[in-house]
Amino acid sequence: MPDLSDFTSNIPFRDRRGRFQGSGKLRSGRGTFFEGTLVKGIENFERKTSDAIVGASLKFAEKLQQYARDNAPWEDQTTDARQGLMAEVEADKDLCEIMLRHTVEYGIWLEIRWGGRYAIIIPTIEQLGPEIYNEMRGMCGEIIYYVD
């Protein structure tokens, strides 16, 4: 993405009396942009949005993990399965994933054997999934993009 500061100029919005003075002229073949919060917001949009999504995902992963551990329907014999329920976040510039998984070898059998009687992964996602959806849906309206 080009640096928007290359295209900005110091064109005031209003005259001394506070009246709008439009100036949509082109200068030297380059478009004119007004400096201020809009340009800063555009420059910060991708980074701030990504940071907010990853931050919310990390908090939500902790909540998923705790919920799964607290509500696992089986009786512990060694506590390995319960302590082995892990939620992790993997993020890059294009994707952010929250994963809830077992770390014990027999975790798959807790999920699928006996008709899913001891499953916790899908029930946790069904219970808490709408919460992260709603949080992400309202997030963009709360981010202040123009603050560095």
N, C-alpha and C. Protein backbone atom coordinates (compact mmCIF):
# COMPACT_ATOMS: atom_id res chain seq x y z
N MET A 1 0.85 -1.17 0.00
CA MET A 1 0.00 0.00 0.00
C MET A 1 0.89 1.23 0.00
N PRO A 2 0.64 2.19 -0.88
CA PRO A 2 1.47 3.39 -0.90
C PRO A 2 1.26 4.21 0.36
N ASP A 3 2.27 4.93 0.73
CA ASP A 3 2.20 5.81 1.88
C ASP A 3 1.31 7.00 1.51
N LEU A 4 0.19 7.15 2.19
CA LEU A 4 -0.77 8.21 1.84
C LEU A 4 -0.21 9.59 2.13
N SER A 5 0.81 9.69 2.95
CA SER A 5 1.37 11.01 3.22
C SER A 5 2.00 11.61 1.97
N ASP A 6 2.35 10.78 0.97
CA ASP A 6 2.87 11.30 -0.29
C ASP A 6 1.82 12.10 -1.05
N PHE A 7 0.55 11.83 -0.80
CA PHE A 7 -0.53 12.44 -1.56
C PHE A 7 -1.23 13.55 -0.80
N THR A 8 -0.91 13.74 0.45
CA THR A 8 -1.63 14.74 1.24
C THR A 8 -1.02 16.11 1.08
N SER A 9 -1.82 17.11 1.34
CA SER A 9 -1.34 18.48 1.33
C SER A 9 -2.05 19.24 2.44
N ASN A 10 -1.58 20.40 2.76
CA ASN A 10 -2.15 21.19 3.84
C ASN A 10 -3.21 22.15 3.31
N ILE A 11 -4.31 21.63 2.86
CA ILE A 11 -5.41 22.45 2.36
C ILE A 11 -6.42 22.57 3.48
N PRO A 12 -6.69 23.78 3.96
CA PRO A 12 -7.64 23.93 5.08
C PRO A 12 -9.07 23.65 4.61
N PHE A 13 -9.87 23.09 5.51
CA PHE A 13 -11.27 22.84 5.22
C PHE A 13 -12.09 24.12 5.23
N ARG A 14 -11.78 25.03 6.15
CA ARG A 14 -12.61 26.21 6.34
C ARG A 14 -11.75 27.48 6.34
N ASP A 15 -12.39 28.58 5.98
CA ASP A 15 -11.68 29.87 6.02
C ASP A 15 -11.70 30.41 7.45
N ARG A 16 -11.20 31.64 7.61
CA ARG A 16 -11.11 32.23 8.95
C ARG A 16 -12.46 32.39 9.62
N ARG A 17 -13.52 32.54 8.85
CA ARG A 17 -14.86 32.70 9.41
C ARG A 17 -15.53 31.36 9.70
N GLY A 18 -14.89 30.29 9.37
CA GLY A 18 -15.46 28.97 9.61
C GLY A 18 -16.29 28.43 8.48
N ARG A 19 -16.31 29.14 7.33
CA ARG A 19 -17.07 28.66 6.18
C ARG A 19 -16.23 27.66 5.39
N PHE A 20 -16.91 26.64 4.85
CA PHE A 20 -16.22 25.63 4.06
C PHE A 20 -15.65 26.25 2.79
N GLN A 21 -14.40 25.93 2.51
CA GLN A 21 -13.82 26.37 1.24
C GLN A 21 -13.34 25.12 0.51
N GLY A 22 -14.14 24.66 -0.42
CA GLY A 22 -13.81 23.45 -1.16
C GLY A 22 -12.62 23.66 -2.07
N SER A 23 -11.87 22.61 -2.25
CA SER A 23 -10.74 22.67 -3.16
C SER A 23 -10.42 21.27 -3.61
N GLY A 24 -11.15 20.79 -4.60
CA GLY A 24 -10.92 19.46 -5.10
C GLY A 24 -9.96 19.45 -6.27
N LYS A 25 -9.07 20.42 -6.34
CA LYS A 25 -8.16 20.54 -7.47
C LYS A 25 -7.09 19.45 -7.44
N LEU A 26 -6.56 19.18 -8.59
CA LEU A 26 -5.43 18.27 -8.69
C LEU A 26 -4.16 19.10 -8.73
N ARG A 27 -3.13 18.62 -8.10
CA ARG A 27 -1.85 19.32 -8.11
C ARG A 27 -0.79 18.39 -8.65
N SER A 28 -0.08 18.83 -9.62
CA SER A 28 1.01 18.07 -10.22
C SER A 28 0.60 16.67 -10.64
N GLY A 29 -0.63 16.52 -11.08
CA GLY A 29 -1.08 15.22 -11.57
C GLY A 29 -1.41 14.23 -10.47
N ARG A 30 -1.28 14.61 -9.22
CA ARG A 30 -1.60 13.70 -8.13
C ARG A 30 -2.86 14.18 -7.44
N GLY A 31 -3.64 13.24 -6.93
CA GLY A 31 -4.86 13.60 -6.23
C GLY A 31 -4.56 14.34 -4.94
N THR A 32 -5.48 15.18 -4.54
CA THR A 32 -5.32 15.95 -3.31
C THR A 32 -6.16 15.30 -2.21
N PHE A 33 -5.54 15.03 -1.10
CA PHE A 33 -6.23 14.50 0.07
C PHE A 33 -6.02 15.48 1.21
N PHE A 34 -6.99 15.55 2.09
CA PHE A 34 -6.84 16.40 3.26
C PHE A 34 -6.13 15.62 4.35
N GLU A 35 -5.21 16.26 5.03
CA GLU A 35 -4.55 15.62 6.16
C GLU A 35 -5.51 15.62 7.32
N GLY A 36 -5.32 14.74 8.22
CA GLY A 36 -6.15 14.71 9.41
C GLY A 36 -6.53 13.30 9.77
N THR A 37 -7.61 13.20 10.50
CA THR A 37 -7.99 11.91 11.05
C THR A 37 -8.38 10.90 9.98
N LEU A 38 -8.96 11.31 8.88
CA LEU A 38 -9.35 10.37 7.84
C LEU A 38 -8.14 9.66 7.25
N VAL A 39 -7.12 10.41 6.90
CA VAL A 39 -5.92 9.82 6.31
C VAL A 39 -5.23 8.91 7.32
N LYS A 40 -5.12 9.37 8.56
CA LYS A 40 -4.50 8.53 9.60
C LYS A 40 -5.32 7.27 9.81
N GLY A 41 -6.63 7.41 9.79
CA GLY A 41 -7.50 6.24 9.96
C GLY A 41 -7.32 5.23 8.85
N ILE A 42 -7.22 5.70 7.62
CA ILE A 42 -7.02 4.79 6.49
C ILE A 42 -5.67 4.10 6.60
N GLU A 43 -4.65 4.84 7.00
CA GLU A 43 -3.32 4.24 7.15
C GLU A 43 -3.30 3.19 8.25
N ASN A 44 -4.08 3.38 9.29
CA ASN A 44 -4.07 2.47 10.44
C ASN A 44 -5.11 1.35 10.36
N PHE A 45 -6.00 1.39 9.39
CA PHE A 45 -7.14 0.48 9.35
C PHE A 45 -6.74 -1.00 9.42
N GLU A 46 -5.89 -1.44 8.52
CA GLU A 46 -5.54 -2.86 8.47
C GLU A 46 -4.86 -3.33 9.76
N ARG A 47 -3.90 -2.56 10.22
CA ARG A 47 -3.16 -2.96 11.41
C ARG A 47 -4.06 -2.98 12.64
N LYS A 48 -4.84 -1.94 12.85
CA LYS A 48 -5.69 -1.87 14.04
C LYS A 48 -6.79 -2.94 14.01
N THR A 49 -7.36 -3.18 12.83
CA THR A 49 -8.39 -4.21 12.72
C THR A 49 -7.80 -5.57 13.02
N SER A 50 -6.65 -5.87 12.45
CA SER A 50 -5.99 -7.15 12.69
C SER A 50 -5.64 -7.32 14.16
N ASP A 51 -5.08 -6.28 14.77
CA ASP A 51 -4.74 -6.34 16.20
C ASP A 51 -5.97 -6.61 17.05
N ALA A 52 -7.08 -5.96 16.73
CA ALA A 52 -8.31 -6.13 17.50
C ALA A 52 -8.87 -7.54 17.35
N ILE A 53 -8.83 -8.07 16.14
CA ILE A 53 -9.33 -9.43 15.90
C ILE A 53 -8.49 -10.45 16.65
N VAL A 54 -7.18 -10.32 16.56
CA VAL A 54 -6.30 -11.27 17.26
C VAL A 54 -6.47 -11.14 18.77
N GLY A 55 -6.56 -9.93 19.28
CA GLY A 55 -6.76 -9.73 20.71
C GLY A 55 -8.05 -10.36 21.21
N ALA A 56 -9.13 -10.14 20.48
CA ALA A 56 -10.42 -10.73 20.86
C ALA A 56 -10.36 -12.25 20.76
N SER A 57 -9.66 -12.76 19.75
CA SER A 57 -9.54 -14.21 19.58
C SER A 57 -8.76 -14.84 20.72
N LEU A 58 -7.70 -14.19 21.16
CA LEU A 58 -6.90 -14.71 22.29
C LEU A 58 -7.74 -14.77 23.57
N LYS A 59 -8.49 -13.72 23.83
CA LYS A 59 -9.36 -13.73 25.02
C LYS A 59 -10.43 -14.81 24.91
N PHE A 60 -10.99 -14.94 23.71
CA PHE A 60 -12.04 -15.92 23.52
C PHE A 60 -11.50 -17.34 23.62
N ALA A 61 -10.27 -17.57 23.15
CA ALA A 61 -9.66 -18.90 23.25
C ALA A 61 -9.53 -19.32 24.71
N GLU A 62 -9.13 -18.39 25.57
CA GLU A 62 -9.05 -18.71 27.00
C GLU A 62 -10.41 -19.10 27.55
N LYS A 63 -11.44 -18.38 27.12
CA LYS A 63 -12.80 -18.67 27.58
C LYS A 63 -13.27 -20.04 27.09
N LEU A 64 -12.98 -20.34 25.81
CA LEU A 64 -13.34 -21.66 25.26
C LEU A 64 -12.68 -22.78 26.05
N GLN A 65 -11.38 -22.64 26.28
CA GLN A 65 -10.62 -23.66 26.99
C GLN A 65 -11.18 -23.88 28.40
N GLN A 66 -11.44 -22.80 29.11
CA GLN A 66 -11.96 -22.93 30.48
C GLN A 66 -13.34 -23.55 30.49
N TYR A 67 -14.19 -23.12 29.56
CA TYR A 67 -15.54 -23.69 29.49
C TYR A 67 -15.47 -25.19 29.21
N ALA A 68 -14.64 -25.59 28.26
CA ALA A 68 -14.52 -27.01 27.91
C ALA A 68 -14.02 -27.82 29.10
N ARG A 69 -13.02 -27.31 29.78
CA ARG A 69 -12.48 -28.03 30.94
C ARG A 69 -13.51 -28.12 32.07
N ASP A 70 -14.23 -27.05 32.30
CA ASP A 70 -15.21 -27.04 33.39
C ASP A 70 -16.44 -27.89 33.09
N ASN A 71 -16.78 -28.05 31.81
CA ASN A 71 -18.04 -28.72 31.45
C ASN A 71 -17.85 -30.06 30.76
N ALA A 72 -16.65 -30.58 30.71
CA ALA A 72 -16.43 -31.89 30.10
C ALA A 72 -17.27 -32.92 30.86
N PRO A 73 -18.07 -33.73 30.15
CA PRO A 73 -19.05 -34.58 30.82
C PRO A 73 -18.52 -35.91 31.37
N TRP A 74 -17.26 -36.18 31.24
CA TRP A 74 -16.74 -37.45 31.71
C TRP A 74 -16.21 -37.33 33.13
N GLU A 75 -16.08 -38.50 33.78
CA GLU A 75 -15.46 -38.56 35.10
C GLU A 75 -13.97 -38.74 34.90
N ASP A 76 -13.20 -37.93 35.59
CA ASP A 76 -11.75 -38.01 35.46
C ASP A 76 -11.20 -39.25 36.16
N GLN A 77 -10.27 -39.90 35.47
CA GLN A 77 -9.52 -40.98 36.09
C GLN A 77 -8.08 -40.52 36.33
N THR A 78 -7.55 -39.76 35.36
CA THR A 78 -6.18 -39.26 35.51
C THR A 78 -6.09 -37.74 35.39
N THR A 79 -7.13 -37.06 35.04
CA THR A 79 -7.22 -35.62 34.73
C THR A 79 -6.44 -35.24 33.48
N ASP A 80 -5.83 -36.19 32.79
CA ASP A 80 -5.06 -35.88 31.59
C ASP A 80 -5.95 -35.33 30.47
N ALA A 81 -7.11 -35.94 30.27
CA ALA A 81 -7.99 -35.50 29.18
C ALA A 81 -8.51 -34.09 29.44
N ARG A 82 -8.92 -33.83 30.68
CA ARG A 82 -9.45 -32.50 31.01
C ARG A 82 -8.36 -31.44 30.88
N GLN A 83 -7.19 -31.71 31.41
CA GLN A 83 -6.08 -30.75 31.32
C GLN A 83 -5.54 -30.65 29.89
N GLY A 84 -5.81 -31.68 29.08
CA GLY A 84 -5.35 -31.69 27.70
C GLY A 84 -6.27 -30.98 26.73
N LEU A 85 -7.37 -30.43 27.21
CA LEU A 85 -8.22 -29.61 26.34
C LEU A 85 -7.53 -28.26 26.17
N MET A 86 -7.18 -27.93 24.93
CA MET A 86 -6.41 -26.71 24.67
C MET A 86 -7.10 -25.89 23.58
N ALA A 87 -7.10 -24.59 23.79
CA ALA A 87 -7.59 -23.65 22.77
C ALA A 87 -6.41 -22.77 22.37
N GLU A 88 -6.18 -22.65 21.07
CA GLU A 88 -5.05 -21.89 20.55
C GLU A 88 -5.52 -20.98 19.42
N VAL A 89 -4.75 -19.93 19.21
CA VAL A 89 -5.03 -18.99 18.12
C VAL A 89 -3.85 -19.00 17.16
N GLU A 90 -4.14 -19.15 15.89
CA GLU A 90 -3.14 -19.02 14.84
C GLU A 90 -3.59 -17.89 13.93
N ALA A 91 -2.68 -16.95 13.69
CA ALA A 91 -3.05 -15.80 12.87
C ALA A 91 -1.91 -15.42 11.94
N ASP A 92 -2.27 -15.01 10.75
CA ASP A 92 -1.32 -14.39 9.83
C ASP A 92 -2.04 -13.19 9.23
N LYS A 93 -1.51 -12.63 8.18
CA LYS A 93 -2.11 -11.39 7.67
C LYS A 93 -3.48 -11.58 7.03
N ASP A 94 -3.82 -12.80 6.64
CA ASP A 94 -5.09 -13.03 5.96
C ASP A 94 -6.11 -13.83 6.76
N LEU A 95 -5.69 -14.46 7.85
CA LEU A 95 -6.57 -15.41 8.51
C LEU A 95 -6.28 -15.45 10.00
N CYS A 96 -7.32 -15.60 10.79
CA CYS A 96 -7.19 -15.79 12.23
C CYS A 96 -8.08 -16.96 12.61
N GLU A 97 -7.48 -18.00 13.20
CA GLU A 97 -8.22 -19.20 13.56
C GLU A 97 -8.11 -19.46 15.05
N ILE A 98 -9.23 -19.89 15.63
CA ILE A 98 -9.25 -20.34 17.02
C ILE A 98 -9.52 -21.84 16.96
N MET A 99 -8.63 -22.61 17.59
CA MET A 99 -8.76 -24.06 17.57
C MET A 99 -8.92 -24.60 18.98
N LEU A 100 -9.91 -25.43 19.18
CA LEU A 100 -10.12 -26.14 20.45
C LEU A 100 -9.88 -27.61 20.16
N ARG A 101 -8.98 -28.23 20.93
CA ARG A 101 -8.60 -29.60 20.61
C ARG A 101 -8.19 -30.36 21.86
N HIS A 102 -8.12 -31.68 21.68
CA HIS A 102 -7.58 -32.58 22.71
C HIS A 102 -6.09 -32.76 22.46
N THR A 103 -5.33 -32.93 23.51
CA THR A 103 -3.91 -33.27 23.35
C THR A 103 -3.63 -34.72 23.71
N VAL A 104 -4.61 -35.40 24.28
CA VAL A 104 -4.42 -36.82 24.60
C VAL A 104 -4.83 -37.66 23.40
N GLU A 105 -4.17 -38.80 23.21
CA GLU A 105 -4.44 -39.66 22.05
C GLU A 105 -5.88 -40.15 22.00
N TYR A 106 -6.47 -40.40 23.14
CA TYR A 106 -7.82 -40.95 23.17
C TYR A 106 -8.91 -39.87 23.16
N GLY A 107 -8.53 -38.61 22.99
CA GLY A 107 -9.51 -37.52 22.97
C GLY A 107 -10.55 -37.70 21.88
N ILE A 108 -10.14 -38.23 20.73
CA ILE A 108 -11.09 -38.44 19.63
C ILE A 108 -12.20 -39.39 20.05
N TRP A 109 -11.85 -40.40 20.88
CA TRP A 109 -12.86 -41.37 21.31
C TRP A 109 -13.84 -40.75 22.30
N LEU A 110 -13.39 -39.81 23.07
CA LEU A 110 -14.31 -39.10 23.96
C LEU A 110 -15.33 -38.30 23.13
N GLU A 111 -14.91 -37.84 21.99
CA GLU A 111 -15.79 -37.03 21.14
C GLU A 111 -16.78 -37.86 20.32
N ILE A 112 -16.35 -39.02 19.83
CA ILE A 112 -17.22 -39.74 18.89
C ILE A 112 -17.79 -41.06 19.41
N ARG A 113 -17.15 -41.67 20.37
CA ARG A 113 -17.64 -42.97 20.84
C ARG A 113 -18.89 -42.80 21.69
N TRP A 114 -19.68 -43.82 21.78
CA TRP A 114 -20.93 -43.83 22.53
C TRP A 114 -21.88 -42.72 22.08
N GLY A 115 -21.90 -42.52 20.77
CA GLY A 115 -22.83 -41.55 20.20
C GLY A 115 -22.54 -40.11 20.60
N GLY A 116 -21.30 -39.83 20.95
CA GLY A 116 -20.92 -38.48 21.35
C GLY A 116 -21.33 -38.13 22.77
N ARG A 117 -21.64 -39.14 23.57
CA ARG A 117 -22.10 -38.90 24.94
C ARG A 117 -21.10 -38.09 25.77
N TYR A 118 -19.81 -38.25 25.50
CA TYR A 118 -18.78 -37.55 26.27
C TYR A 118 -18.13 -36.40 25.49
N ALA A 119 -18.73 -36.02 24.39
CA ALA A 119 -18.18 -34.95 23.55
C ALA A 119 -18.21 -33.61 24.29
N ILE A 120 -17.18 -32.80 24.05
CA ILE A 120 -17.14 -31.47 24.63
C ILE A 120 -16.75 -30.41 23.59
N ILE A 121 -16.06 -30.78 22.52
CA ILE A 121 -15.60 -29.80 21.55
C ILE A 121 -16.78 -29.11 20.85
N ILE A 122 -17.63 -29.88 20.20
CA ILE A 122 -18.77 -29.30 19.47
C ILE A 122 -19.75 -28.62 20.42
N PRO A 123 -20.10 -29.23 21.57
CA PRO A 123 -20.99 -28.52 22.49
C PRO A 123 -20.43 -27.17 22.98
N THR A 124 -19.12 -27.09 23.16
CA THR A 124 -18.51 -25.82 23.58
C THR A 124 -18.64 -24.78 22.48
N ILE A 125 -18.36 -25.18 21.25
CA ILE A 125 -18.47 -24.26 20.11
C ILE A 125 -19.92 -23.81 19.92
N GLU A 126 -20.85 -24.75 20.05
CA GLU A 126 -22.27 -24.39 19.90
C GLU A 126 -22.71 -23.42 21.00
N GLN A 127 -22.19 -23.60 22.20
CA GLN A 127 -22.58 -22.74 23.32
C GLN A 127 -21.96 -21.35 23.22
N LEU A 128 -20.66 -21.27 22.92
CA LEU A 128 -19.95 -19.99 22.96
C LEU A 128 -19.73 -19.33 21.60
N GLY A 129 -19.93 -20.08 20.52
CA GLY A 129 -19.71 -19.54 19.18
C GLY A 129 -20.47 -18.26 18.88
N PRO A 130 -21.76 -18.20 19.20
CA PRO A 130 -22.50 -16.96 18.93
C PRO A 130 -21.92 -15.75 19.67
N GLU A 131 -21.31 -15.98 20.81
CA GLU A 131 -20.73 -14.88 21.58
C GLU A 131 -19.56 -14.23 20.82
N ILE A 132 -18.65 -15.04 20.27
CA ILE A 132 -17.52 -14.47 19.52
C ILE A 132 -18.03 -13.84 18.23
N TYR A 133 -19.03 -14.44 17.62
CA TYR A 133 -19.60 -13.86 16.41
C TYR A 133 -20.13 -12.45 16.69
N ASN A 134 -20.90 -12.31 17.76
CA ASN A 134 -21.46 -11.00 18.10
C ASN A 134 -20.38 -9.99 18.46
N GLU A 135 -19.34 -10.44 19.13
CA GLU A 135 -18.24 -9.54 19.49
C GLU A 135 -17.52 -9.04 18.24
N MET A 136 -17.24 -9.94 17.31
CA MET A 136 -16.56 -9.55 16.08
C MET A 136 -17.44 -8.64 15.22
N ARG A 137 -18.72 -8.92 15.21
CA ARG A 137 -19.65 -8.14 14.40
C ARG A 137 -19.68 -6.67 14.82
N GLY A 138 -19.58 -6.41 16.12
CA GLY A 138 -19.63 -5.04 16.59
C GLY A 138 -18.28 -4.38 16.76
N MET A 139 -17.21 -5.11 16.50
CA MET A 139 -15.86 -4.62 16.78
C MET A 139 -15.45 -3.41 15.94
N CYS A 140 -15.72 -3.43 14.66
CA CYS A 140 -15.24 -2.35 13.79
C CYS A 140 -15.80 -1.00 14.18
N GLY A 141 -16.97 -0.96 14.75
CA GLY A 141 -17.54 0.30 15.18
C GLY A 141 -16.89 0.87 16.42
N GLU A 142 -16.11 0.05 17.13
CA GLU A 142 -15.51 0.48 18.39
C GLU A 142 -14.03 0.84 18.25
N ILE A 143 -13.39 0.44 17.17
CA ILE A 143 -11.95 0.69 17.01
C ILE A 143 -11.73 2.15 16.64
N ILE A 144 -10.80 2.80 17.32
CA ILE A 144 -10.45 4.17 16.98
C ILE A 144 -9.21 4.09 16.10
N TYR A 145 -9.40 4.34 14.82
CA TYR A 145 -8.34 4.11 13.83
C TYR A 145 -7.34 5.24 13.73
N TYR A 146 -7.71 6.44 14.12
CA TYR A 146 -6.83 7.58 13.87
C TYR A 146 -5.84 7.84 14.98
N VAL A 147 -5.90 7.08 16.07
CA VAL A 147 -4.93 7.25 17.16
C VAL A 147 -3.76 6.33 16.89
N ASP A 148 -2.57 6.87 16.92
CA ASP A 148 -1.37 6.06 16.66
C ASP A 148 -0.99 5.23 17.85
